[in-house]
Every structure is written in C-alpha cells, then in structure tokens.
Amino acid sequence: MKNNVFVIFVFLLGLIIAFILTSRNKQGVKESFQDTGLNNKSLQDNIKPTPKMTIDPNKKYSAVISTTDGDITVELDTKNTPVTANNFVTLARSNFYDNTVFHRVIKDFMIQGGDPGGDGTGGPGYKFDDEKIVGDYTRGTVAMANSGPNTNGSQFFIMHKDTDLPKNYVIFGHVTHGMEIVDKIAESEVTPNSMGEDSKPVTPVKIVKIAVLEE
C-alpha cells in the first residue's frame, strides 16, 4: 500500500514539475502584462553571436512581410533602435523568417511571430539587450517579444489595437501598409495553447518571406 502511495506521489510531482517547465517555455508579451519564460535551454545549448552591424543608421529601411494572407510593410526605426532594427534586417536577409508562422494571435491586442519552431519557445540562438523604448504600443506598432529585460531574439509582435502596455518591449517599427492584413490575421480562429490561453491559430498564417528595402 505504501509503495502505491509513493508511486502516485512521484507521478503527481512529475506532472507538477512538467507544468512549471512548460510555463517557462514561452517568449512573448501578455495582455495581463506578465511575461512568460524563454526557452533558456535552447540558448545555452546553441549559443551564437549577435549579428554584426550591417545597416547604416542614417538610411531608411523598411521590410515587406509577405504572408499567405497578403503583404505587411513595416518602416524600421533605425534612429532610435539601430541594434534591434539591424537584428531584424539580418535575420530577414538570411531567410530566417521564411516559412515561420504567426503562432500567437489575440484579437484586439496583437499578433506574434518570428519563432522558427512555431510555438513561442524558439529563437535565433542568442539574445541581446534592450534599447531605449520610444513611443507607445498603438495600433500598427511593431515590437520585440521577450521573457524579461535584455532577452530579445527573433520573436516580434504587431499591435492590432492600442494597448496600454508597460514600456518593457522594444519598439522598432510601425506598419505603413497592410494593416488590413493584420486585421485579417487577428480574426483567425484560435484554440487554447499549452498554457490554456486562447491564442493558438487553428490555421496559422505563414510568413513566406521578408524583403528588406533600403533608401
């Protein structure tokens, strides 16, 4: 009898530990203003250097995010966030974002993408520090998802509606064309994700390619 009780206890303890680890396995921004955890193990197992500065902060850069629902054009803020903009440009030019999806969609809040694994736990294999946050999280704002201070990687989100978020997410761009595509993606049918949040698209919209334009 005691052995059975012990086995049940170990089993339940294992479930609790698994739940805790899963809850720390996400990167993003929450409407409740509480961050979820980043997959730190993947960063430790596959450390890569942050991208070298390849953009000219004095030039203007925009990115055309071609999705299966249409194109979204984003003007990048190279003046206030040159490191973050350079990271996005570097990843886009290396085809990192090709065939990734908007894995987290919350209508009237934001749509989130940029994870090569498609579940909110992935990244480029490195993280970099926050830059000064300039602006507000208004409709069309593009910002970095994170798991806390100085944990930026590849995931980003686009605001669907104005939201009074704390200044914890580096704003590096703004949609200039294609907000109707953001609206369409935000209307996607969703189901609960691994955390129970109704944000996992039934049919995720895919990022086919991101083309960077330089002026």
Protein backbone atom coordinates (compact mmCIF):
# COMPACT_ATOMS: atom_id res chain seq x y z
CA MET A 1 0.00 0.00 0.00
CA LYS A 2 2.78 2.38 0.95
CA ASN A 3 4.56 1.61 -2.30
CA ASN A 4 1.43 2.51 -4.29
CA VAL A 5 1.08 5.80 -2.43
CA PHE A 6 4.74 6.58 -3.09
CA VAL A 7 4.36 5.83 -6.82
CA ILE A 8 1.30 8.08 -7.05
CA PHE A 9 3.14 10.86 -5.21
CA VAL A 10 6.13 10.66 -7.59
CA PHE A 11 3.79 10.67 -10.60
CA LEU A 12 1.93 13.77 -9.39
CA LEU A 13 5.21 15.52 -8.57
CA GLY A 14 6.40 14.81 -12.08
CA LEU A 15 3.26 16.37 -13.55
CA ILE A 16 3.71 19.48 -11.44
CA ILE A 17 7.35 19.86 -12.48
CA ALA A 18 6.44 19.35 -16.15
CA PHE A 19 3.77 22.05 -15.90
CA ILE A 20 6.22 24.51 -14.32
CA LEU A 21 8.83 23.87 -17.01
CA THR A 22 6.25 24.31 -19.75
CA SER A 23 5.09 27.60 -18.25
CA ARG A 24 8.65 28.89 -18.52
CA ASN A 25 8.99 27.80 -22.08
CA LYS A 26 7.38 30.74 -23.84
CA GLN A 27 8.55 34.11 -25.04
CA GLY A 28 6.15 36.93 -25.64
CA VAL A 29 4.00 39.68 -24.26
CA LYS A 30 0.88 39.15 -22.20
CA GLU A 31 -2.20 41.29 -22.11
CA SER A 32 -2.06 40.86 -18.35
CA PHE A 33 1.39 42.48 -18.52
CA GLN A 34 3.17 39.40 -17.18
CA ASP A 35 5.90 37.87 -19.32
CA THR A 36 6.18 34.18 -19.99
CA GLY A 37 9.52 32.36 -19.93
CA LEU A 38 12.05 31.95 -22.70
CA ASN A 39 13.47 28.57 -23.62
CA ASN A 40 16.79 29.19 -21.87
CA LYS A 41 17.98 25.65 -22.50
CA SER A 42 17.99 26.22 -26.25
CA LEU A 43 20.09 29.34 -25.76
CA GLN A 44 22.59 27.54 -23.56
CA ASP A 45 22.89 24.57 -25.90
CA ASN A 46 23.29 26.64 -29.06
CA ILE A 47 24.94 29.97 -28.28
CA LYS A 48 25.52 32.14 -31.33
CA PRO A 49 26.99 35.65 -31.57
CA THR A 50 24.65 38.58 -32.03
CA PRO A 51 24.61 39.99 -35.56
CA LYS A 52 27.28 42.46 -36.61
CA MET A 53 26.05 45.93 -37.52
CA THR A 54 25.41 45.85 -41.25
CA ILE A 55 22.83 48.60 -41.67
CA ASP A 56 23.51 52.31 -42.00
CA PRO A 57 21.54 54.11 -39.25
CA ASN A 58 21.49 57.19 -41.45
CA LYS A 59 19.50 55.41 -44.13
CA LYS A 60 15.84 54.43 -44.14
CA TYR A 61 14.86 50.78 -44.03
CA SER A 62 11.52 49.08 -44.47
CA ALA A 63 10.51 45.46 -44.51
CA VAL A 64 7.80 43.85 -46.60
CA ILE A 65 6.44 40.86 -44.69
CA SER A 66 4.86 38.64 -47.33
CA THR A 67 2.33 36.29 -45.75
CA THR A 68 -0.15 33.77 -47.07
CA ASP A 69 -2.82 36.40 -46.40
CA GLY A 70 -1.03 39.32 -48.07
CA ASP A 71 1.78 41.82 -47.53
CA ILE A 72 2.52 43.96 -44.48
CA THR A 73 5.03 46.79 -44.87
CA VAL A 74 6.93 47.95 -41.80
CA GLU A 75 9.06 51.07 -41.54
CA LEU A 76 12.02 50.28 -39.26
CA ASP A 77 13.24 52.75 -36.65
CA THR A 78 16.99 52.71 -37.28
CA LYS A 79 17.48 56.01 -35.48
CA ASN A 80 16.18 55.05 -32.04
CA THR A 81 16.73 51.28 -32.25
CA PRO A 82 19.64 50.58 -34.62
CA VAL A 83 20.65 47.32 -32.89
CA THR A 84 17.13 45.89 -32.91
CA ALA A 85 16.47 47.01 -36.47
CA ASN A 86 19.80 45.54 -37.57
CA ASN A 87 18.91 42.25 -35.92
CA PHE A 88 15.59 42.11 -37.77
CA VAL A 89 17.21 43.03 -41.08
CA THR A 90 19.98 40.47 -40.64
CA LEU A 91 17.53 37.67 -39.84
CA ALA A 92 15.27 38.64 -42.73
CA ARG A 93 18.13 38.77 -45.22
CA SER A 94 19.35 35.35 -44.09
CA ASN A 95 15.86 33.90 -44.72
CA PHE A 96 15.44 33.11 -41.02
CA TYR A 97 11.78 34.13 -41.03
CA ASP A 98 10.86 32.26 -44.21
CA ASN A 99 8.02 29.79 -43.64
CA THR A 100 7.56 30.71 -39.99
CA VAL A 101 4.06 31.47 -38.72
CA PHE A 102 2.14 33.90 -36.57
CA HIS A 103 1.84 31.41 -33.75
CA ARG A 104 0.06 33.65 -31.23
CA VAL A 105 -2.98 35.71 -32.15
CA ILE A 106 -5.16 37.71 -29.77
CA LYS A 107 -7.84 39.82 -31.40
CA ASP A 108 -7.91 43.48 -30.28
CA PHE A 109 -4.44 43.03 -28.81
CA MET A 110 -1.64 41.77 -31.07
CA ILE A 111 -0.31 39.08 -33.41
CA GLN A 112 3.05 37.46 -32.68
CA GLY A 113 5.53 35.64 -34.91
CA GLY A 114 9.21 35.11 -35.58
CA ASP A 115 9.66 31.75 -33.85
CA PRO A 116 11.27 29.10 -36.10
CA GLY A 117 9.59 26.39 -34.01
CA GLY A 118 6.16 27.95 -34.24
CA ASP A 119 5.23 27.52 -30.60
CA GLY A 120 6.73 30.55 -28.83
CA THR A 121 9.77 28.77 -27.40
CA GLY A 122 12.29 29.29 -30.20
CA GLY A 123 14.74 31.93 -31.26
CA PRO A 124 17.93 32.58 -33.22
CA GLY A 125 20.27 31.03 -30.63
CA TYR A 126 21.27 34.29 -28.95
CA LYS A 127 19.73 37.17 -27.05
CA PHE A 128 20.56 40.86 -26.98
CA ASP A 129 19.97 43.85 -24.74
CA ASP A 130 17.06 46.23 -24.82
CA GLU A 131 17.41 49.63 -26.44
CA LYS A 132 15.63 52.76 -25.25
CA ILE A 133 11.90 52.37 -25.74
CA VAL A 134 10.45 55.30 -27.66
CA GLY A 135 6.74 55.57 -28.40
CA ASP A 136 3.60 53.77 -27.31
CA TYR A 137 2.00 50.45 -28.15
CA THR A 138 -0.54 51.84 -30.57
CA ARG A 139 -2.20 50.07 -33.48
CA GLY A 140 0.42 49.05 -36.05
CA THR A 141 3.37 49.28 -33.67
CA VAL A 142 5.98 46.54 -34.14
CA ALA A 143 7.97 45.49 -31.08
CA MET A 144 10.14 42.68 -29.76
CA ALA A 145 8.66 39.87 -27.71
CA ASN A 146 10.77 38.86 -24.74
CA SER A 147 10.89 36.93 -21.49
CA GLY A 148 12.21 39.80 -19.41
CA PRO A 149 14.81 42.57 -19.64
CA ASN A 150 17.54 42.07 -22.26
CA THR A 151 16.21 38.80 -23.69
CA ASN A 152 15.44 39.87 -27.26
CA GLY A 153 15.86 37.28 -30.00
CA SER A 154 13.79 36.89 -33.15
CA GLN A 155 10.17 36.96 -32.00
CA PHE A 156 8.17 40.13 -32.59
CA PHE A 157 4.58 41.28 -32.39
CA ILE A 158 2.36 43.74 -34.23
CA MET A 159 -0.26 45.64 -32.26
CA HIS A 160 -3.80 45.08 -33.50
CA LYS A 161 -5.31 47.76 -31.29
CA ASP A 162 -3.96 50.47 -28.96
CA THR A 163 -2.95 48.87 -25.66
CA ASP A 164 -1.55 50.48 -22.53
CA LEU A 165 1.38 48.11 -22.08
CA PRO A 166 4.29 48.91 -19.75
CA LYS A 167 7.44 50.03 -21.58
CA ASN A 168 9.03 46.58 -21.49
CA TYR A 169 9.13 45.76 -25.20
CA VAL A 170 11.48 47.49 -27.62
CA ILE A 171 9.53 49.28 -30.34
CA PHE A 172 11.48 49.07 -33.60
CA GLY A 173 8.96 49.79 -36.32
CA HIS A 174 5.47 50.69 -37.44
CA VAL A 175 3.19 49.30 -40.12
CA THR A 176 2.81 51.73 -43.03
CA HIS A 177 0.84 49.48 -45.39
CA GLY A 178 -1.16 46.32 -44.91
CA MET A 179 -3.00 46.86 -41.63
CA GLU A 180 -5.96 45.17 -43.28
CA ILE A 181 -3.80 42.03 -43.36
CA VAL A 182 -3.05 42.41 -39.65
CA ASP A 183 -6.81 42.75 -39.09
CA LYS A 184 -7.43 39.58 -41.08
CA ILE A 185 -4.82 37.61 -39.14
CA ALA A 186 -6.22 38.92 -35.85
CA GLU A 187 -9.60 37.46 -36.83
CA SER A 188 -8.13 33.96 -37.11
CA GLU A 189 -9.93 31.18 -35.32
CA VAL A 190 -7.91 30.17 -32.26
CA THR A 191 -7.77 27.38 -29.71
CA PRO A 192 -6.07 27.19 -26.30
CA ASN A 193 -2.28 26.93 -26.41
CA SER A 194 -0.19 24.85 -24.00
CA MET A 195 -0.78 27.47 -21.30
CA GLY A 196 -4.53 27.47 -21.79
CA GLU A 197 -4.54 30.88 -23.47
CA ASP A 198 -6.95 31.21 -26.41
CA SER A 199 -4.32 32.34 -28.90
CA LYS A 200 -3.18 29.36 -30.97
CA PRO A 201 -4.44 29.71 -34.56
CA VAL A 202 -6.30 26.72 -35.95
CA THR A 203 -4.77 27.52 -39.33
CA PRO A 204 -1.68 29.69 -38.75
CA VAL A 205 -0.84 32.37 -41.27
CA LYS A 206 2.61 31.77 -42.71
CA ILE A 207 5.36 34.33 -43.31
CA VAL A 208 6.53 33.37 -46.78
CA LYS A 209 9.41 35.83 -46.90
CA ILE A 210 10.54 39.21 -45.56
CA ALA A 211 12.15 41.54 -48.10
CA VAL A 212 14.22 44.46 -46.79
CA LEU A 213 14.22 47.75 -48.70
CA GLU A 214 16.97 50.34 -48.23
CA GLU A 215 16.76 54.01 -49.19
